[in-house]
Amino acid sequence: METSTLTAAPQDSRNIALLTWIGTLFFGFIPGLVFFLIKKEDAYIQEQAKEALNWSITVMIGYLVSFMLTFVLIGVFGFIVFGLTHLVFCIMGAVSTSKGKSFKVPFAIRLIK
């Protein structure tokens, strides 16, 4: 988990980044993708939308692997672990962005750079 303060992110940018992380918790990759495509002029929103999108993709891959492993009963634990980490990292992202800090999920696969 890496947090760093950007040069005074405007309140509007903080609010949209906060909505991105909260939306990611409930709607998966959709909020991150929408804000990534719409808010290209704001570097802070772009950074947080990419991070939320990368995390969503990582969680979806984890859920897919867990689903395949449910046939040997190990996947049930995977669902629990990925669900809890998704909840924790989305909350951490929301709290960090509400303060205007940059948030990076330590275990996310960086597919979008």
N, C-alpha and C. Protein backbone atom coordinates (compact mmCIF):
# COMPACT_ATOMS: atom_id res chain seq x y z
N MET A 1 0.85 -1.16 0.00
CA MET A 1 0.00 0.00 0.00
C MET A 1 0.89 1.22 0.00
N GLU A 2 0.76 2.00 -1.04
CA GLU A 2 1.60 3.17 -1.20
C GLU A 2 0.70 4.40 -1.28
N THR A 3 0.93 5.34 -0.40
CA THR A 3 0.16 6.57 -0.47
C THR A 3 1.11 7.74 -0.56
N SER A 4 0.78 8.68 -1.40
CA SER A 4 1.58 9.89 -1.51
C SER A 4 0.62 11.03 -1.80
N THR A 5 0.98 12.21 -1.34
CA THR A 5 0.12 13.35 -1.53
C THR A 5 0.47 14.03 -2.84
N LEU A 6 -0.54 14.28 -3.65
CA LEU A 6 -0.34 15.05 -4.86
C LEU A 6 -0.43 16.52 -4.51
N THR A 7 -0.07 17.36 -5.45
CA THR A 7 -0.14 18.79 -5.18
C THR A 7 -1.59 19.24 -5.13
N ALA A 8 -2.15 19.26 -3.96
CA ALA A 8 -3.48 19.77 -3.65
C ALA A 8 -4.53 19.42 -4.71
N ALA A 9 -4.99 18.20 -4.68
CA ALA A 9 -6.05 17.79 -5.60
C ALA A 9 -7.31 18.58 -5.26
N PRO A 10 -7.96 19.15 -6.27
CA PRO A 10 -9.18 19.93 -6.01
C PRO A 10 -10.27 19.05 -5.39
N GLN A 11 -11.17 19.68 -4.69
CA GLN A 11 -12.24 18.95 -3.99
C GLN A 11 -13.10 18.15 -4.97
N ASP A 12 -13.37 18.70 -6.14
CA ASP A 12 -14.16 17.96 -7.14
C ASP A 12 -13.46 16.68 -7.56
N SER A 13 -12.15 16.75 -7.75
CA SER A 13 -11.38 15.56 -8.13
C SER A 13 -11.40 14.54 -7.01
N ARG A 14 -11.26 15.00 -5.78
CA ARG A 14 -11.32 14.09 -4.63
C ARG A 14 -12.67 13.38 -4.57
N ASN A 15 -13.74 14.14 -4.77
CA ASN A 15 -15.08 13.56 -4.70
C ASN A 15 -15.31 12.52 -5.78
N ILE A 16 -14.85 12.80 -6.99
CA ILE A 16 -15.03 11.83 -8.07
C ILE A 16 -14.17 10.59 -7.83
N ALA A 17 -12.95 10.77 -7.33
CA ALA A 17 -12.11 9.62 -7.00
C ALA A 17 -12.73 8.80 -5.87
N LEU A 18 -13.33 9.48 -4.90
CA LEU A 18 -14.03 8.79 -3.82
C LEU A 18 -15.20 7.99 -4.37
N LEU A 19 -15.97 8.59 -5.27
CA LEU A 19 -17.09 7.87 -5.89
C LEU A 19 -16.59 6.68 -6.72
N THR A 20 -15.44 6.83 -7.32
CA THR A 20 -14.87 5.72 -8.09
C THR A 20 -14.61 4.52 -7.20
N TRP A 21 -13.98 4.75 -6.04
CA TRP A 21 -13.67 3.63 -5.14
C TRP A 21 -14.92 3.04 -4.49
N ILE A 22 -15.87 3.89 -4.12
CA ILE A 22 -17.12 3.37 -3.54
C ILE A 22 -17.90 2.60 -4.60
N GLY A 23 -17.93 3.14 -5.81
CA GLY A 23 -18.61 2.44 -6.90
C GLY A 23 -17.95 1.13 -7.24
N THR A 24 -16.64 1.08 -7.14
CA THR A 24 -15.91 -0.16 -7.41
C THR A 24 -16.30 -1.24 -6.41
N LEU A 25 -16.54 -0.84 -5.19
CA LEU A 25 -16.96 -1.80 -4.16
C LEU A 25 -18.27 -2.47 -4.55
N PHE A 26 -19.20 -1.70 -5.09
CA PHE A 26 -20.53 -2.23 -5.37
C PHE A 26 -20.75 -2.67 -6.82
N PHE A 27 -20.09 -2.00 -7.76
CA PHE A 27 -20.36 -2.25 -9.18
C PHE A 27 -19.17 -2.78 -9.97
N GLY A 28 -18.09 -3.13 -9.30
CA GLY A 28 -16.95 -3.73 -9.98
C GLY A 28 -16.18 -2.75 -10.85
N PHE A 29 -15.90 -3.15 -12.07
CA PHE A 29 -15.02 -2.36 -12.94
C PHE A 29 -15.73 -1.18 -13.62
N ILE A 30 -17.04 -1.12 -13.57
CA ILE A 30 -17.79 -0.12 -14.33
C ILE A 30 -17.46 1.33 -13.93
N PRO A 31 -17.47 1.72 -12.65
CA PRO A 31 -17.14 3.11 -12.31
C PRO A 31 -15.73 3.51 -12.71
N GLY A 32 -14.77 2.62 -12.48
CA GLY A 32 -13.40 2.92 -12.87
C GLY A 32 -13.27 3.13 -14.37
N LEU A 33 -13.94 2.30 -15.14
CA LEU A 33 -13.89 2.42 -16.60
C LEU A 33 -14.57 3.70 -17.07
N VAL A 34 -15.72 4.02 -16.50
CA VAL A 34 -16.45 5.23 -16.90
C VAL A 34 -15.62 6.47 -16.63
N PHE A 35 -15.09 6.60 -15.41
CA PHE A 35 -14.31 7.80 -15.08
C PHE A 35 -12.98 7.82 -15.82
N PHE A 36 -12.41 6.67 -16.09
CA PHE A 36 -11.17 6.61 -16.87
C PHE A 36 -11.40 7.14 -18.29
N LEU A 37 -12.53 6.82 -18.87
CA LEU A 37 -12.82 7.26 -20.23
C LEU A 37 -13.36 8.69 -20.31
N ILE A 38 -14.05 9.15 -19.29
CA ILE A 38 -14.68 10.47 -19.34
C ILE A 38 -13.75 11.58 -18.84
N LYS A 39 -13.05 11.37 -17.75
CA LYS A 39 -12.26 12.43 -17.10
C LYS A 39 -10.79 12.37 -17.50
N LYS A 40 -10.50 12.53 -18.76
CA LYS A 40 -9.13 12.45 -19.24
C LYS A 40 -8.29 13.68 -18.91
N GLU A 41 -8.94 14.82 -18.62
CA GLU A 41 -8.19 16.05 -18.36
C GLU A 41 -7.68 16.16 -16.93
N ASP A 42 -8.14 15.31 -16.02
CA ASP A 42 -7.75 15.38 -14.62
C ASP A 42 -6.82 14.21 -14.27
N ALA A 43 -5.57 14.53 -14.00
CA ALA A 43 -4.57 13.49 -13.74
C ALA A 43 -4.87 12.68 -12.48
N TYR A 44 -5.38 13.33 -11.44
CA TYR A 44 -5.68 12.64 -10.19
C TYR A 44 -6.80 11.61 -10.39
N ILE A 45 -7.85 12.01 -11.08
CA ILE A 45 -8.95 11.09 -11.34
C ILE A 45 -8.48 9.96 -12.25
N GLN A 46 -7.68 10.28 -13.25
CA GLN A 46 -7.15 9.25 -14.15
C GLN A 46 -6.35 8.21 -13.38
N GLU A 47 -5.49 8.69 -12.48
CA GLU A 47 -4.65 7.77 -11.69
C GLU A 47 -5.50 6.85 -10.82
N GLN A 48 -6.49 7.42 -10.13
CA GLN A 48 -7.31 6.62 -9.23
C GLN A 48 -8.28 5.72 -10.00
N ALA A 49 -8.76 6.17 -11.14
CA ALA A 49 -9.65 5.34 -11.97
C ALA A 49 -8.86 4.14 -12.52
N LYS A 50 -7.62 4.38 -12.94
CA LYS A 50 -6.78 3.27 -13.42
C LYS A 50 -6.54 2.26 -12.30
N GLU A 51 -6.25 2.78 -11.11
CA GLU A 51 -5.98 1.89 -9.98
C GLU A 51 -7.22 1.08 -9.62
N ALA A 52 -8.39 1.72 -9.59
CA ALA A 52 -9.63 1.02 -9.28
C ALA A 52 -9.95 0.00 -10.38
N LEU A 53 -9.69 0.36 -11.61
CA LEU A 53 -9.93 -0.56 -12.73
C LEU A 53 -8.99 -1.76 -12.67
N ASN A 54 -7.73 -1.51 -12.40
CA ASN A 54 -6.77 -2.62 -12.25
C ASN A 54 -7.17 -3.54 -11.10
N TRP A 55 -7.59 -2.95 -9.98
CA TRP A 55 -8.00 -3.76 -8.84
C TRP A 55 -9.24 -4.58 -9.17
N SER A 56 -10.20 -3.98 -9.88
CA SER A 56 -11.42 -4.70 -10.26
C SER A 56 -11.11 -5.89 -11.15
N ILE A 57 -10.21 -5.70 -12.09
CA ILE A 57 -9.82 -6.79 -12.99
C ILE A 57 -9.13 -7.89 -12.19
N THR A 58 -8.27 -7.50 -11.26
CA THR A 58 -7.58 -8.49 -10.42
C THR A 58 -8.58 -9.30 -9.61
N VAL A 59 -9.57 -8.63 -9.03
CA VAL A 59 -10.58 -9.33 -8.22
C VAL A 59 -11.42 -10.25 -9.10
N MET A 60 -11.77 -9.80 -10.30
CA MET A 60 -12.56 -10.65 -11.20
C MET A 60 -11.79 -11.91 -11.58
N ILE A 61 -10.50 -11.77 -11.82
CA ILE A 61 -9.66 -12.94 -12.11
C ILE A 61 -9.63 -13.87 -10.89
N GLY A 62 -9.49 -13.29 -9.70
CA GLY A 62 -9.49 -14.08 -8.47
C GLY A 62 -10.80 -14.81 -8.25
N TYR A 63 -11.91 -14.14 -8.52
CA TYR A 63 -13.22 -14.81 -8.40
C TYR A 63 -13.37 -15.93 -9.42
N LEU A 64 -12.87 -15.72 -10.62
CA LEU A 64 -12.94 -16.75 -11.65
C LEU A 64 -12.14 -17.99 -11.24
N VAL A 65 -10.92 -17.76 -10.75
CA VAL A 65 -10.09 -18.88 -10.29
C VAL A 65 -10.76 -19.56 -9.09
N SER A 66 -11.31 -18.77 -8.18
CA SER A 66 -11.99 -19.35 -7.02
C SER A 66 -13.19 -20.18 -7.45
N PHE A 67 -13.93 -19.70 -8.46
CA PHE A 67 -15.07 -20.44 -8.96
C PHE A 67 -14.63 -21.80 -9.52
N MET A 68 -13.53 -21.78 -10.27
CA MET A 68 -13.03 -23.05 -10.83
C MET A 68 -12.55 -23.99 -9.73
N LEU A 69 -12.03 -23.43 -8.65
CA LEU A 69 -11.53 -24.27 -7.56
C LEU A 69 -12.62 -24.70 -6.58
N THR A 70 -13.84 -24.20 -6.74
CA THR A 70 -14.90 -24.65 -5.84
C THR A 70 -15.22 -26.13 -6.06
N PHE A 71 -14.86 -26.64 -7.20
CA PHE A 71 -15.11 -28.06 -7.48
C PHE A 71 -14.22 -28.95 -6.63
N VAL A 72 -13.12 -28.41 -6.11
CA VAL A 72 -12.27 -29.17 -5.18
C VAL A 72 -12.32 -28.55 -3.78
N LEU A 73 -13.34 -27.72 -3.54
CA LEU A 73 -13.68 -27.12 -2.25
C LEU A 73 -12.69 -26.08 -1.73
N ILE A 74 -11.62 -25.81 -2.45
CA ILE A 74 -10.67 -24.78 -2.02
C ILE A 74 -11.19 -23.39 -2.41
N GLY A 75 -11.96 -23.32 -3.47
CA GLY A 75 -12.43 -22.05 -3.99
C GLY A 75 -13.33 -21.28 -3.05
N VAL A 76 -14.00 -21.99 -2.14
CA VAL A 76 -14.87 -21.31 -1.18
C VAL A 76 -14.04 -20.36 -0.33
N PHE A 77 -12.86 -20.78 0.08
CA PHE A 77 -11.97 -19.91 0.84
C PHE A 77 -11.48 -18.75 -0.02
N GLY A 78 -11.27 -19.01 -1.29
CA GLY A 78 -10.86 -17.95 -2.22
C GLY A 78 -11.91 -16.86 -2.32
N PHE A 79 -13.19 -17.25 -2.41
CA PHE A 79 -14.27 -16.27 -2.46
C PHE A 79 -14.26 -15.40 -1.20
N ILE A 80 -14.07 -16.03 -0.06
CA ILE A 80 -14.05 -15.28 1.20
C ILE A 80 -12.87 -14.33 1.25
N VAL A 81 -11.69 -14.82 0.88
CA VAL A 81 -10.48 -13.99 0.92
C VAL A 81 -10.59 -12.83 -0.06
N PHE A 82 -11.00 -13.11 -1.30
CA PHE A 82 -11.11 -12.03 -2.29
C PHE A 82 -12.21 -11.05 -1.92
N GLY A 83 -13.30 -11.53 -1.37
CA GLY A 83 -14.37 -10.63 -0.95
C GLY A 83 -13.92 -9.68 0.15
N LEU A 84 -13.22 -10.22 1.14
CA LEU A 84 -12.73 -9.37 2.24
C LEU A 84 -11.66 -8.39 1.78
N THR A 85 -10.72 -8.85 0.95
CA THR A 85 -9.68 -7.94 0.48
C THR A 85 -10.28 -6.86 -0.42
N HIS A 86 -11.28 -7.22 -1.21
CA HIS A 86 -11.95 -6.23 -2.06
C HIS A 86 -12.61 -5.16 -1.19
N LEU A 87 -13.30 -5.58 -0.16
CA LEU A 87 -13.93 -4.65 0.76
C LEU A 87 -12.90 -3.74 1.43
N VAL A 88 -11.84 -4.32 1.95
CA VAL A 88 -10.82 -3.55 2.68
C VAL A 88 -10.12 -2.56 1.75
N PHE A 89 -9.68 -3.01 0.57
CA PHE A 89 -8.94 -2.11 -0.32
C PHE A 89 -9.83 -1.01 -0.91
N CYS A 90 -11.09 -1.30 -1.15
CA CYS A 90 -11.99 -0.25 -1.64
C CYS A 90 -12.23 0.80 -0.55
N ILE A 91 -12.38 0.37 0.68
CA ILE A 91 -12.54 1.32 1.78
C ILE A 91 -11.26 2.13 1.98
N MET A 92 -10.12 1.47 1.91
CA MET A 92 -8.85 2.19 2.05
C MET A 92 -8.68 3.21 0.92
N GLY A 93 -9.06 2.82 -0.30
CA GLY A 93 -8.98 3.74 -1.43
C GLY A 93 -9.91 4.93 -1.25
N ALA A 94 -11.12 4.68 -0.75
CA ALA A 94 -12.08 5.77 -0.53
C ALA A 94 -11.58 6.73 0.54
N VAL A 95 -11.05 6.20 1.62
CA VAL A 95 -10.55 7.05 2.70
C VAL A 95 -9.35 7.86 2.22
N SER A 96 -8.45 7.22 1.51
CA SER A 96 -7.25 7.90 1.03
C SER A 96 -7.59 9.01 0.04
N THR A 97 -8.49 8.73 -0.90
CA THR A 97 -8.84 9.75 -1.88
C THR A 97 -9.67 10.87 -1.29
N SER A 98 -10.42 10.59 -0.23
CA SER A 98 -11.18 11.67 0.41
C SER A 98 -10.24 12.67 1.07
N LYS A 99 -9.03 12.23 1.41
CA LYS A 99 -8.03 13.12 2.00
C LYS A 99 -7.15 13.76 0.92
N GLY A 100 -7.36 13.38 -0.33
CA GLY A 100 -6.57 13.95 -1.42
C GLY A 100 -5.26 13.22 -1.67
N LYS A 101 -5.11 12.04 -1.10
CA LYS A 101 -3.88 11.27 -1.29
C LYS A 101 -4.06 10.26 -2.41
N SER A 102 -2.96 9.87 -2.98
CA SER A 102 -2.97 8.85 -4.02
C SER A 102 -2.94 7.49 -3.36
N PHE A 103 -3.70 6.54 -3.90
CA PHE A 103 -3.75 5.20 -3.31
C PHE A 103 -3.43 4.16 -4.36
N LYS A 104 -2.55 3.24 -4.01
CA LYS A 104 -2.21 2.12 -4.88
C LYS A 104 -2.43 0.83 -4.12
N VAL A 105 -3.17 -0.08 -4.73
CA VAL A 105 -3.42 -1.39 -4.13
C VAL A 105 -2.16 -2.24 -4.32
N PRO A 106 -1.62 -2.81 -3.25
CA PRO A 106 -0.35 -3.53 -3.37
C PRO A 106 -0.41 -4.82 -4.20
N PHE A 107 -1.56 -5.47 -4.28
CA PHE A 107 -1.64 -6.77 -4.95
C PHE A 107 -2.31 -6.72 -6.31
N ALA A 108 -2.59 -5.54 -6.82
CA ALA A 108 -3.32 -5.42 -8.09
C ALA A 108 -2.38 -5.73 -9.26
N ILE A 109 -2.94 -6.42 -10.24
CA ILE A 109 -2.21 -6.68 -11.49
C ILE A 109 -2.33 -5.40 -12.32
N ARG A 110 -1.23 -4.83 -12.72
CA ARG A 110 -1.23 -3.55 -13.45
C ARG A 110 -1.37 -3.80 -14.95
N LEU A 111 -2.59 -4.02 -15.40
CA LEU A 111 -2.84 -4.22 -16.82
C LEU A 111 -3.00 -2.90 -17.57
N ILE A 112 -3.54 -1.90 -16.90
CA ILE A 112 -3.74 -0.58 -17.49
C ILE A 112 -2.70 0.35 -16.89
N LYS A 113 -1.89 0.95 -17.75
CA LYS A 113 -0.81 1.82 -17.24
C LYS A 113 -0.99 3.23 -17.67
